[in-house]
N, C-alpha and C. Protein backbone atom coordinates (compact mmCIF):
# COMPACT_ATOMS: atom_id res chain seq x y z
N MET A 1 -4.21 -19.03 -28.96
CA MET A 1 -5.48 -18.38 -29.28
C MET A 1 -5.34 -17.66 -30.62
N ASN A 2 -6.21 -18.01 -31.56
CA ASN A 2 -6.13 -17.45 -32.90
C ASN A 2 -7.00 -16.19 -32.99
N ILE A 3 -6.35 -15.02 -32.96
CA ILE A 3 -7.08 -13.74 -33.02
C ILE A 3 -6.93 -13.16 -34.42
N PRO A 4 -8.05 -12.90 -35.10
CA PRO A 4 -8.00 -12.53 -36.52
C PRO A 4 -7.64 -11.08 -36.82
N SER A 5 -7.32 -10.28 -35.80
CA SER A 5 -7.00 -8.86 -36.03
C SER A 5 -5.78 -8.46 -35.21
N ARG A 6 -4.87 -7.76 -35.84
CA ARG A 6 -3.68 -7.28 -35.11
C ARG A 6 -4.07 -6.29 -34.03
N TYR A 7 -5.06 -5.43 -34.31
CA TYR A 7 -5.48 -4.44 -33.33
C TYR A 7 -6.13 -5.11 -32.12
N LEU A 8 -6.93 -6.11 -32.40
CA LEU A 8 -7.57 -6.87 -31.32
C LEU A 8 -6.52 -7.61 -30.50
N GLU A 9 -5.55 -8.18 -31.18
CA GLU A 9 -4.49 -8.92 -30.50
C GLU A 9 -3.66 -7.99 -29.61
N ASP A 10 -3.35 -6.80 -30.12
CA ASP A 10 -2.57 -5.84 -29.33
C ASP A 10 -3.34 -5.43 -28.06
N ALA A 11 -4.65 -5.20 -28.23
CA ALA A 11 -5.46 -4.81 -27.07
C ALA A 11 -5.52 -5.93 -26.04
N VAL A 12 -5.66 -7.17 -26.51
CA VAL A 12 -5.69 -8.32 -25.61
C VAL A 12 -4.35 -8.45 -24.88
N GLU A 13 -3.26 -8.24 -25.60
CA GLU A 13 -1.92 -8.33 -24.98
C GLU A 13 -1.78 -7.31 -23.86
N GLN A 14 -2.25 -6.08 -24.09
CA GLN A 14 -2.13 -5.04 -23.08
C GLN A 14 -2.95 -5.37 -21.84
N LEU A 15 -4.19 -5.80 -22.03
CA LEU A 15 -5.03 -6.12 -20.87
C LEU A 15 -4.53 -7.34 -20.12
N SER A 16 -4.04 -8.33 -20.85
CA SER A 16 -3.56 -9.55 -20.19
C SER A 16 -2.24 -9.33 -19.45
N SER A 17 -1.62 -8.17 -19.64
CA SER A 17 -0.40 -7.85 -18.89
C SER A 17 -0.71 -7.42 -17.46
N LEU A 18 -2.00 -7.16 -17.17
CA LEU A 18 -2.42 -6.79 -15.82
C LEU A 18 -2.47 -8.03 -14.93
N PRO A 19 -2.26 -7.86 -13.62
CA PRO A 19 -2.29 -9.01 -12.71
C PRO A 19 -3.64 -9.73 -12.74
N SER A 20 -3.59 -11.06 -12.72
CA SER A 20 -4.77 -11.92 -12.61
C SER A 20 -5.70 -11.89 -13.81
N ILE A 21 -5.26 -11.31 -14.93
CA ILE A 21 -6.08 -11.30 -16.13
C ILE A 21 -5.41 -12.15 -17.21
N GLY A 22 -6.05 -13.27 -17.53
CA GLY A 22 -5.54 -14.16 -18.57
C GLY A 22 -6.00 -13.70 -19.95
N LYS A 23 -5.54 -14.40 -20.97
CA LYS A 23 -5.86 -14.02 -22.34
C LYS A 23 -7.36 -14.10 -22.62
N ARG A 24 -8.04 -15.13 -22.12
CA ARG A 24 -9.47 -15.28 -22.39
C ARG A 24 -10.27 -14.16 -21.74
N THR A 25 -9.93 -13.83 -20.50
CA THR A 25 -10.60 -12.73 -19.81
C THR A 25 -10.34 -11.41 -20.53
N ALA A 26 -9.09 -11.22 -20.94
CA ALA A 26 -8.73 -9.99 -21.67
C ALA A 26 -9.52 -9.87 -22.97
N LEU A 27 -9.66 -10.99 -23.68
CA LEU A 27 -10.42 -10.97 -24.94
C LEU A 27 -11.87 -10.60 -24.68
N ARG A 28 -12.45 -11.17 -23.63
CA ARG A 28 -13.85 -10.86 -23.30
C ARG A 28 -14.02 -9.37 -22.99
N LEU A 29 -13.08 -8.79 -22.26
CA LEU A 29 -13.14 -7.37 -21.91
C LEU A 29 -12.98 -6.49 -23.15
N VAL A 30 -12.06 -6.86 -24.02
CA VAL A 30 -11.83 -6.06 -25.24
C VAL A 30 -13.06 -6.11 -26.14
N LEU A 31 -13.66 -7.28 -26.27
CA LEU A 31 -14.87 -7.40 -27.10
C LEU A 31 -16.03 -6.60 -26.53
N ASN A 32 -16.08 -6.51 -25.20
CA ASN A 32 -17.10 -5.68 -24.56
C ASN A 32 -16.88 -4.21 -24.89
N LEU A 33 -15.61 -3.77 -24.85
CA LEU A 33 -15.30 -2.38 -25.18
C LEU A 33 -15.65 -2.06 -26.64
N LEU A 34 -15.47 -3.03 -27.51
CA LEU A 34 -15.79 -2.83 -28.92
C LEU A 34 -17.29 -2.55 -29.14
N GLN A 35 -18.11 -3.05 -28.23
CA GLN A 35 -19.55 -2.87 -28.36
C GLN A 35 -20.01 -1.52 -27.82
N ARG A 36 -19.13 -0.82 -27.17
CA ARG A 36 -19.49 0.48 -26.60
C ARG A 36 -19.29 1.60 -27.64
N SER A 37 -19.90 2.74 -27.35
CA SER A 37 -19.78 3.88 -28.26
C SER A 37 -18.38 4.48 -28.19
N ASP A 38 -18.04 5.26 -29.21
CA ASP A 38 -16.74 5.93 -29.22
C ASP A 38 -16.58 6.83 -28.00
N GLU A 39 -17.66 7.50 -27.60
CA GLU A 39 -17.62 8.40 -26.44
C GLU A 39 -17.32 7.63 -25.15
N GLU A 40 -17.93 6.45 -25.01
CA GLU A 40 -17.69 5.64 -23.81
C GLU A 40 -16.25 5.15 -23.75
N VAL A 41 -15.74 4.71 -24.89
CA VAL A 41 -14.36 4.22 -24.92
C VAL A 41 -13.38 5.36 -24.67
N GLU A 42 -13.69 6.53 -25.22
CA GLU A 42 -12.84 7.70 -24.99
C GLU A 42 -12.82 8.08 -23.51
N GLN A 43 -13.99 8.04 -22.87
CA GLN A 43 -14.07 8.35 -21.43
C GLN A 43 -13.32 7.30 -20.61
N PHE A 44 -13.45 6.04 -21.03
CA PHE A 44 -12.74 4.94 -20.37
C PHE A 44 -11.24 5.19 -20.41
N SER A 45 -10.73 5.56 -21.58
CA SER A 45 -9.29 5.83 -21.73
C SER A 45 -8.87 7.06 -20.94
N LYS A 46 -9.71 8.09 -20.94
CA LYS A 46 -9.38 9.35 -20.27
C LYS A 46 -9.23 9.17 -18.77
N VAL A 47 -10.06 8.31 -18.19
CA VAL A 47 -9.99 8.07 -16.74
C VAL A 47 -8.61 7.55 -16.35
N PHE A 48 -8.06 6.64 -17.16
CA PHE A 48 -6.76 6.07 -16.82
C PHE A 48 -5.61 7.02 -17.13
N LEU A 49 -5.77 7.84 -18.15
CA LEU A 49 -4.77 8.86 -18.42
C LEU A 49 -4.73 9.89 -17.29
N ASP A 50 -5.92 10.30 -16.83
CA ASP A 50 -6.00 11.24 -15.71
C ASP A 50 -5.38 10.64 -14.46
N LEU A 51 -5.65 9.36 -14.23
CA LEU A 51 -5.09 8.66 -13.07
C LEU A 51 -3.56 8.72 -13.11
N LYS A 52 -3.01 8.40 -14.27
CA LYS A 52 -1.56 8.36 -14.40
C LYS A 52 -0.93 9.75 -14.30
N GLN A 53 -1.59 10.75 -14.85
CA GLN A 53 -1.02 12.09 -14.92
C GLN A 53 -1.21 12.91 -13.66
N HIS A 54 -2.29 12.66 -12.91
CA HIS A 54 -2.62 13.56 -11.81
C HIS A 54 -2.50 12.94 -10.41
N LEU A 55 -2.47 11.62 -10.31
CA LEU A 55 -2.35 11.00 -8.99
C LEU A 55 -0.96 11.24 -8.42
N LYS A 56 -0.89 11.59 -7.15
CA LYS A 56 0.40 11.90 -6.50
C LYS A 56 0.64 10.95 -5.33
N SER A 57 1.86 10.93 -4.88
CA SER A 57 2.20 10.29 -3.61
C SER A 57 2.32 11.39 -2.57
N CYS A 58 1.69 11.20 -1.44
CA CYS A 58 1.75 12.20 -0.37
C CYS A 58 3.22 12.43 0.00
N ALA A 59 3.64 13.68 0.03
CA ALA A 59 5.03 14.02 0.32
C ALA A 59 5.41 13.65 1.75
N LYS A 60 4.42 13.51 2.62
CA LYS A 60 4.69 13.24 4.03
C LYS A 60 4.69 11.75 4.35
N CYS A 61 3.68 11.02 3.83
CA CYS A 61 3.53 9.62 4.24
C CYS A 61 3.64 8.61 3.10
N GLY A 62 3.57 9.06 1.85
CA GLY A 62 3.67 8.14 0.73
C GLY A 62 2.35 7.55 0.28
N ASN A 63 1.25 7.92 0.92
CA ASN A 63 -0.07 7.44 0.51
C ASN A 63 -0.46 8.08 -0.82
N ILE A 64 -1.40 7.48 -1.56
CA ILE A 64 -1.85 8.11 -2.79
C ILE A 64 -2.71 9.32 -2.45
N SER A 65 -2.66 10.32 -3.32
CA SER A 65 -3.37 11.56 -3.03
C SER A 65 -3.60 12.35 -4.31
N ASP A 66 -4.65 13.17 -4.29
CA ASP A 66 -4.88 14.09 -5.40
C ASP A 66 -4.13 15.40 -5.18
N THR A 67 -3.61 15.58 -3.96
CA THR A 67 -2.90 16.81 -3.60
C THR A 67 -1.52 16.46 -3.04
N GLU A 68 -0.71 17.48 -2.80
CA GLU A 68 0.66 17.27 -2.32
C GLU A 68 0.70 16.51 -0.99
N ILE A 69 -0.23 16.86 -0.09
CA ILE A 69 -0.36 16.17 1.20
C ILE A 69 -1.73 15.49 1.22
N CYS A 70 -1.78 14.22 1.60
CA CYS A 70 -3.03 13.46 1.53
C CYS A 70 -4.05 13.92 2.57
N HIS A 71 -5.29 13.51 2.39
CA HIS A 71 -6.37 13.95 3.28
C HIS A 71 -6.22 13.41 4.70
N ILE A 72 -5.52 12.28 4.86
CA ILE A 72 -5.31 11.73 6.21
C ILE A 72 -4.29 12.58 6.96
N CYS A 73 -3.16 12.88 6.35
CA CYS A 73 -2.15 13.72 6.99
C CYS A 73 -2.68 15.12 7.28
N ASN A 74 -3.58 15.59 6.42
CA ASN A 74 -4.14 16.94 6.56
C ASN A 74 -5.29 17.03 7.56
N ASN A 75 -5.72 15.90 8.08
CA ASN A 75 -6.88 15.87 8.97
C ASN A 75 -6.46 16.16 10.41
N PRO A 76 -6.82 17.32 10.96
CA PRO A 76 -6.40 17.67 12.33
C PRO A 76 -7.02 16.78 13.40
N ALA A 77 -8.07 16.03 13.04
CA ALA A 77 -8.71 15.14 14.00
C ALA A 77 -7.93 13.84 14.20
N ARG A 78 -6.97 13.57 13.30
CA ARG A 78 -6.16 12.35 13.44
C ARG A 78 -5.08 12.57 14.48
N ASN A 79 -4.67 11.50 15.15
CA ASN A 79 -3.59 11.54 16.13
C ASN A 79 -2.27 11.75 15.38
N GLN A 80 -1.71 12.94 15.50
CA GLN A 80 -0.51 13.31 14.76
C GLN A 80 0.77 12.70 15.33
N HIS A 81 0.65 12.04 16.48
CA HIS A 81 1.83 11.47 17.15
C HIS A 81 1.91 9.95 17.02
N LEU A 82 0.96 9.38 16.26
CA LEU A 82 0.90 7.93 16.09
C LEU A 82 0.97 7.62 14.59
N VAL A 83 1.92 6.76 14.20
CA VAL A 83 2.10 6.41 12.79
C VAL A 83 2.09 4.90 12.62
N CYS A 84 1.32 4.45 11.66
CA CYS A 84 1.24 3.03 11.32
C CYS A 84 2.00 2.80 10.02
N VAL A 85 3.02 1.96 10.08
CA VAL A 85 3.87 1.69 8.91
C VAL A 85 3.31 0.49 8.15
N VAL A 86 2.99 0.71 6.85
CA VAL A 86 2.43 -0.35 6.03
C VAL A 86 3.22 -0.51 4.74
N GLU A 87 2.96 -1.61 4.06
CA GLU A 87 3.69 -1.91 2.82
C GLU A 87 3.21 -1.06 1.66
N ASP A 88 1.89 -1.04 1.43
CA ASP A 88 1.37 -0.25 0.31
C ASP A 88 -0.03 0.28 0.59
N ILE A 89 -0.60 0.97 -0.38
CA ILE A 89 -1.87 1.67 -0.17
C ILE A 89 -3.03 0.72 0.08
N ARG A 90 -2.93 -0.52 -0.37
CA ARG A 90 -3.99 -1.49 -0.10
C ARG A 90 -4.11 -1.75 1.39
N ASP A 91 -2.98 -1.69 2.09
CA ASP A 91 -3.01 -1.89 3.54
C ASP A 91 -3.64 -0.69 4.24
N VAL A 92 -3.40 0.51 3.73
CA VAL A 92 -4.05 1.71 4.27
C VAL A 92 -5.57 1.55 4.16
N MET A 93 -6.02 1.14 2.98
CA MET A 93 -7.46 0.98 2.77
C MET A 93 -8.05 -0.10 3.67
N ALA A 94 -7.29 -1.19 3.87
CA ALA A 94 -7.76 -2.28 4.73
C ALA A 94 -7.91 -1.81 6.17
N ILE A 95 -6.92 -1.07 6.67
CA ILE A 95 -6.98 -0.59 8.06
C ILE A 95 -8.05 0.47 8.22
N GLU A 96 -8.16 1.36 7.24
CA GLU A 96 -9.19 2.40 7.31
C GLU A 96 -10.60 1.80 7.33
N SER A 97 -10.78 0.67 6.66
CA SER A 97 -12.10 0.05 6.60
C SER A 97 -12.54 -0.50 7.96
N THR A 98 -11.58 -0.68 8.90
CA THR A 98 -11.96 -1.16 10.23
C THR A 98 -12.61 -0.06 11.06
N GLY A 99 -12.28 1.20 10.75
CA GLY A 99 -12.86 2.33 11.48
C GLY A 99 -12.35 2.46 12.90
N THR A 100 -11.27 1.76 13.25
CA THR A 100 -10.79 1.77 14.63
C THR A 100 -9.44 2.46 14.81
N TYR A 101 -8.81 2.88 13.73
CA TYR A 101 -7.50 3.51 13.82
C TYR A 101 -7.62 4.99 13.50
N SER A 102 -7.06 5.83 14.36
CA SER A 102 -7.22 7.28 14.19
C SER A 102 -5.90 8.02 14.03
N GLY A 103 -4.81 7.27 13.83
CA GLY A 103 -3.51 7.91 13.66
C GLY A 103 -3.18 8.16 12.19
N LEU A 104 -1.90 8.37 11.92
CA LEU A 104 -1.41 8.61 10.57
C LEU A 104 -0.78 7.33 10.01
N TYR A 105 -0.29 7.41 8.80
CA TYR A 105 0.33 6.25 8.15
C TYR A 105 1.71 6.62 7.60
N HIS A 106 2.46 5.59 7.30
CA HIS A 106 3.67 5.76 6.51
C HIS A 106 3.73 4.57 5.56
N VAL A 107 3.64 4.84 4.26
CA VAL A 107 3.59 3.80 3.24
C VAL A 107 4.98 3.59 2.65
N LEU A 108 5.53 2.41 2.87
CA LEU A 108 6.90 2.12 2.42
C LEU A 108 7.00 1.95 0.91
N GLY A 109 5.93 1.50 0.28
CA GLY A 109 5.99 1.24 -1.16
C GLY A 109 6.58 -0.12 -1.48
N GLY A 110 6.57 -1.02 -0.49
CA GLY A 110 7.10 -2.37 -0.68
C GLY A 110 7.75 -2.85 0.60
N ILE A 111 8.40 -3.99 0.53
CA ILE A 111 9.16 -4.52 1.66
C ILE A 111 10.51 -5.02 1.16
N ILE A 112 11.45 -5.13 2.07
CA ILE A 112 12.79 -5.59 1.71
C ILE A 112 12.72 -7.03 1.23
N SER A 113 13.21 -7.27 0.03
CA SER A 113 13.17 -8.62 -0.55
C SER A 113 14.37 -8.81 -1.46
N PRO A 114 15.48 -9.32 -0.90
CA PRO A 114 16.70 -9.51 -1.70
C PRO A 114 16.47 -10.39 -2.93
N MET A 115 15.55 -11.37 -2.81
CA MET A 115 15.28 -12.27 -3.95
C MET A 115 14.70 -11.49 -5.13
N ASP A 116 13.98 -10.41 -4.83
CA ASP A 116 13.39 -9.57 -5.88
C ASP A 116 14.23 -8.34 -6.18
N GLY A 117 15.38 -8.26 -5.56
CA GLY A 117 16.27 -7.13 -5.79
C GLY A 117 15.80 -5.83 -5.14
N ILE A 118 14.98 -5.94 -4.08
CA ILE A 118 14.46 -4.76 -3.39
C ILE A 118 15.20 -4.59 -2.07
N GLY A 119 15.94 -3.50 -1.95
CA GLY A 119 16.67 -3.21 -0.73
C GLY A 119 16.08 -2.00 -0.03
N PRO A 120 16.61 -1.64 1.14
CA PRO A 120 16.10 -0.49 1.91
C PRO A 120 16.08 0.82 1.12
N ASN A 121 17.07 1.01 0.25
CA ASN A 121 17.16 2.25 -0.51
C ASN A 121 16.08 2.37 -1.58
N ASP A 122 15.40 1.27 -1.87
CA ASP A 122 14.33 1.28 -2.86
C ASP A 122 12.98 1.65 -2.24
N LEU A 123 12.95 1.77 -0.92
CA LEU A 123 11.70 2.01 -0.20
C LEU A 123 11.66 3.41 0.41
N PHE A 124 10.47 3.84 0.80
CA PHE A 124 10.23 5.18 1.38
C PHE A 124 10.49 5.12 2.89
N ILE A 125 11.75 4.88 3.25
CA ILE A 125 12.12 4.66 4.65
C ILE A 125 12.71 5.91 5.30
N GLN A 126 13.59 6.60 4.60
CA GLN A 126 14.30 7.73 5.19
C GLN A 126 13.37 8.80 5.76
N PRO A 127 12.28 9.17 5.06
CA PRO A 127 11.36 10.16 5.64
C PRO A 127 10.75 9.72 6.97
N LEU A 128 10.54 8.42 7.15
CA LEU A 128 10.02 7.90 8.42
C LEU A 128 11.04 8.11 9.53
N ILE A 129 12.29 7.80 9.25
CA ILE A 129 13.37 7.98 10.23
C ILE A 129 13.50 9.45 10.60
N GLU A 130 13.39 10.32 9.60
CA GLU A 130 13.49 11.76 9.86
C GLU A 130 12.33 12.24 10.74
N ARG A 131 11.13 11.73 10.49
CA ARG A 131 9.98 12.11 11.32
C ARG A 131 10.19 11.67 12.78
N ALA A 132 10.75 10.48 12.95
CA ALA A 132 11.00 9.97 14.29
C ALA A 132 12.09 10.78 14.99
N GLN A 133 13.11 11.17 14.24
CA GLN A 133 14.23 11.93 14.82
C GLN A 133 13.82 13.35 15.22
N GLN A 134 12.80 13.88 14.55
CA GLN A 134 12.33 15.24 14.86
C GLN A 134 11.53 15.29 16.15
N GLY A 135 11.20 14.13 16.70
CA GLY A 135 10.51 14.09 17.98
C GLY A 135 9.02 14.34 17.91
N GLU A 136 8.44 14.30 16.71
CA GLU A 136 7.00 14.57 16.58
C GLU A 136 6.16 13.32 16.82
N LEU A 137 6.80 12.15 16.86
CA LEU A 137 6.06 10.90 17.00
C LEU A 137 6.25 10.30 18.40
N GLU A 138 5.18 9.72 18.92
CA GLU A 138 5.24 9.03 20.20
C GLU A 138 5.25 7.52 20.03
N GLU A 139 4.58 7.04 18.98
CA GLU A 139 4.51 5.59 18.74
C GLU A 139 4.51 5.31 17.25
N ILE A 140 5.26 4.28 16.87
CA ILE A 140 5.26 3.78 15.50
C ILE A 140 4.81 2.33 15.54
N ILE A 141 3.73 2.04 14.80
CA ILE A 141 3.22 0.67 14.73
C ILE A 141 3.77 0.02 13.46
N LEU A 142 4.48 -1.07 13.60
CA LEU A 142 4.97 -1.81 12.44
C LEU A 142 3.86 -2.78 12.02
N ALA A 143 3.18 -2.45 10.94
CA ALA A 143 2.01 -3.23 10.50
C ALA A 143 2.27 -3.88 9.15
N LEU A 144 3.41 -4.56 9.06
CA LEU A 144 3.75 -5.25 7.82
C LEU A 144 3.26 -6.69 7.88
N SER A 145 3.03 -7.28 6.72
CA SER A 145 2.53 -8.66 6.66
C SER A 145 3.51 -9.60 7.36
N PRO A 146 2.99 -10.60 8.10
CA PRO A 146 3.86 -11.52 8.85
C PRO A 146 4.49 -12.59 7.97
N THR A 147 5.27 -12.12 7.00
CA THR A 147 6.02 -13.02 6.12
C THR A 147 7.50 -12.84 6.42
N MET A 148 8.34 -13.66 5.82
CA MET A 148 9.78 -13.54 6.05
C MET A 148 10.28 -12.15 5.63
N GLU A 149 9.78 -11.67 4.48
CA GLU A 149 10.18 -10.34 4.00
C GLU A 149 9.66 -9.24 4.91
N GLY A 150 8.42 -9.40 5.38
CA GLY A 150 7.84 -8.43 6.31
C GLY A 150 8.62 -8.36 7.61
N ASP A 151 8.99 -9.53 8.14
CA ASP A 151 9.76 -9.57 9.38
C ASP A 151 11.16 -8.99 9.20
N THR A 152 11.76 -9.23 8.04
CA THR A 152 13.08 -8.65 7.73
C THR A 152 13.00 -7.13 7.72
N THR A 153 11.93 -6.61 7.12
CA THR A 153 11.74 -5.16 7.04
C THR A 153 11.48 -4.59 8.43
N ASN A 154 10.66 -5.28 9.23
CA ASN A 154 10.41 -4.86 10.61
C ASN A 154 11.73 -4.75 11.39
N PHE A 155 12.57 -5.77 11.26
CA PHE A 155 13.85 -5.80 11.96
C PHE A 155 14.73 -4.63 11.53
N TYR A 156 14.78 -4.36 10.24
CA TYR A 156 15.58 -3.25 9.71
C TYR A 156 15.08 -1.92 10.27
N LEU A 157 13.76 -1.73 10.24
CA LEU A 157 13.19 -0.47 10.74
C LEU A 157 13.44 -0.32 12.24
N TYR A 158 13.30 -1.41 12.97
CA TYR A 158 13.54 -1.36 14.42
C TYR A 158 14.97 -0.92 14.72
N LYS A 159 15.93 -1.47 13.99
CA LYS A 159 17.33 -1.10 14.21
C LYS A 159 17.57 0.38 13.86
N LYS A 160 16.94 0.84 12.79
CA LYS A 160 17.11 2.22 12.37
C LYS A 160 16.45 3.21 13.34
N LEU A 161 15.38 2.78 14.00
CA LEU A 161 14.62 3.66 14.88
C LEU A 161 15.01 3.50 16.35
N ALA A 162 15.93 2.58 16.63
CA ALA A 162 16.26 2.22 18.02
C ALA A 162 16.73 3.41 18.85
N ASN A 163 17.41 4.37 18.24
CA ASN A 163 17.95 5.51 18.98
C ASN A 163 16.99 6.70 19.05
N CYS A 164 15.81 6.53 18.49
CA CYS A 164 14.81 7.61 18.52
C CYS A 164 13.92 7.46 19.76
N ALA A 165 13.49 8.57 20.28
CA ALA A 165 12.63 8.56 21.48
C ALA A 165 11.19 8.28 21.06
N VAL A 166 10.95 7.06 20.62
CA VAL A 166 9.62 6.69 20.15
C VAL A 166 9.35 5.23 20.53
N THR A 167 8.13 4.94 20.92
CA THR A 167 7.74 3.57 21.23
C THR A 167 7.46 2.83 19.92
N ILE A 168 8.02 1.64 19.79
CA ILE A 168 7.81 0.84 18.58
C ILE A 168 6.98 -0.38 18.94
N THR A 169 5.85 -0.53 18.28
CA THR A 169 4.98 -1.66 18.54
C THR A 169 4.72 -2.42 17.23
N ALA A 170 4.13 -3.60 17.37
CA ALA A 170 3.78 -4.41 16.19
C ALA A 170 2.38 -4.96 16.39
N LEU A 171 1.75 -5.33 15.29
CA LEU A 171 0.42 -5.92 15.37
C LEU A 171 0.49 -7.21 16.17
N SER A 172 -0.56 -7.50 16.94
CA SER A 172 -0.62 -8.78 17.61
C SER A 172 -0.76 -9.86 16.55
N ARG A 173 -0.39 -11.08 16.86
CA ARG A 173 -0.35 -12.12 15.85
C ARG A 173 -1.71 -12.77 15.58
N GLY A 174 -2.75 -11.93 15.58
CA GLY A 174 -4.05 -12.40 15.11
C GLY A 174 -4.01 -12.60 13.61
N ILE A 175 -3.06 -11.90 12.97
CA ILE A 175 -2.84 -12.07 11.54
C ILE A 175 -1.98 -13.31 11.35
N ALA A 176 -2.46 -14.27 10.58
CA ALA A 176 -1.76 -15.53 10.42
C ALA A 176 -0.39 -15.33 9.79
N VAL A 177 0.59 -16.08 10.30
CA VAL A 177 1.94 -16.00 9.75
C VAL A 177 1.92 -16.44 8.29
N GLY A 178 2.58 -15.66 7.43
CA GLY A 178 2.65 -15.98 6.01
C GLY A 178 1.55 -15.35 5.19
N SER A 179 0.57 -14.72 5.86
CA SER A 179 -0.54 -14.10 5.12
C SER A 179 -0.21 -12.64 4.84
N GLU A 180 -1.02 -12.00 4.00
CA GLU A 180 -0.82 -10.60 3.68
C GLU A 180 -1.89 -9.76 4.36
N LEU A 181 -1.47 -8.61 4.86
CA LEU A 181 -2.34 -7.75 5.66
C LEU A 181 -3.63 -7.40 4.94
N GLN A 182 -3.54 -7.10 3.65
CA GLN A 182 -4.70 -6.62 2.90
C GLN A 182 -5.82 -7.66 2.81
N TYR A 183 -5.49 -8.94 3.06
CA TYR A 183 -6.50 -9.99 2.95
C TYR A 183 -7.10 -10.37 4.30
N ALA A 184 -6.65 -9.75 5.38
CA ALA A 184 -7.20 -10.05 6.70
C ALA A 184 -8.61 -9.47 6.81
N ASP A 185 -9.49 -10.19 7.51
CA ASP A 185 -10.83 -9.65 7.69
C ASP A 185 -10.78 -8.47 8.65
N GLU A 186 -11.81 -7.61 8.58
CA GLU A 186 -11.79 -6.34 9.32
C GLU A 186 -11.72 -6.55 10.83
N LEU A 187 -12.42 -7.57 11.35
CA LEU A 187 -12.43 -7.80 12.79
C LEU A 187 -11.06 -8.21 13.29
N THR A 188 -10.43 -9.16 12.57
CA THR A 188 -9.09 -9.61 12.96
C THR A 188 -8.09 -8.47 12.89
N LEU A 189 -8.16 -7.69 11.83
CA LEU A 189 -7.25 -6.57 11.65
C LEU A 189 -7.46 -5.52 12.72
N SER A 190 -8.71 -5.24 13.03
CA SER A 190 -9.03 -4.26 14.07
C SER A 190 -8.47 -4.69 15.41
N ARG A 191 -8.67 -5.96 15.77
CA ARG A 191 -8.15 -6.46 17.05
C ARG A 191 -6.64 -6.48 17.08
N SER A 192 -6.02 -6.77 15.93
CA SER A 192 -4.55 -6.79 15.87
C SER A 192 -3.97 -5.41 16.12
N ILE A 193 -4.66 -4.38 15.65
CA ILE A 193 -4.22 -3.00 15.89
C ILE A 193 -4.42 -2.63 17.36
N GLN A 194 -5.62 -2.93 17.88
CA GLN A 194 -5.95 -2.54 19.25
C GLN A 194 -5.09 -3.29 20.27
N GLN A 195 -4.72 -4.53 19.97
CA GLN A 195 -3.96 -5.35 20.91
C GLN A 195 -2.48 -5.42 20.53
N ARG A 196 -2.00 -4.39 19.83
CA ARG A 196 -0.60 -4.36 19.42
C ARG A 196 0.32 -4.47 20.61
N THR A 197 1.51 -4.99 20.39
CA THR A 197 2.46 -5.26 21.48
C THR A 197 3.78 -4.59 21.18
N PRO A 198 4.61 -4.36 22.20
CA PRO A 198 5.94 -3.79 21.96
C PRO A 198 6.72 -4.68 21.01
N PHE A 199 7.42 -4.08 20.06
CA PHE A 199 8.20 -4.86 19.11
C PHE A 199 9.47 -5.31 19.80
N THR A 200 9.75 -6.63 19.71
CA THR A 200 10.98 -7.19 20.30
C THR A 200 11.67 -8.04 19.26
N LEU A 201 12.96 -8.17 19.41
CA LEU A 201 13.75 -8.97 18.46
C LEU A 201 13.72 -10.44 18.87
């Protein structure tokens, strides 16, 4: 692609570094921004700077938050003894959209994947084990995507939690094997949570 300006090319390169955005799409977006006023572009930039500078990870569950503890963990109406373990915040949003889950979450920040160089120490696992050991939890739902990496992570968590006085369950297999949780439709996801089963090896 022949871009006649270094500044335009740099902007296209930055946007095309985002997932699912090719060079042509990036060029179209940059050209749209060029047509906007300086104030609009400044506001556009400020939103992302604010996002980067002020967004936090909940100290308790790892969910995104504007405060030290997220609004879900801080909600006294939620079941404080039930925790749903998910891969990332997209899964939290997917489950919340079903309107059928009233417990808390624990966001791992990924799944164990040796091929990608991601091991247990790279994930937000230890705080979950500590919560279980403190006896504050009655049930932990393993709600990771039914992929090889998801199953490996489930197995690791099960072994780590085996000596804790907590029931460990998993989503029913309404979620197709090999699919990702965030792409499941709300009805299937809702039923998978409601019909969860004891986790077995």
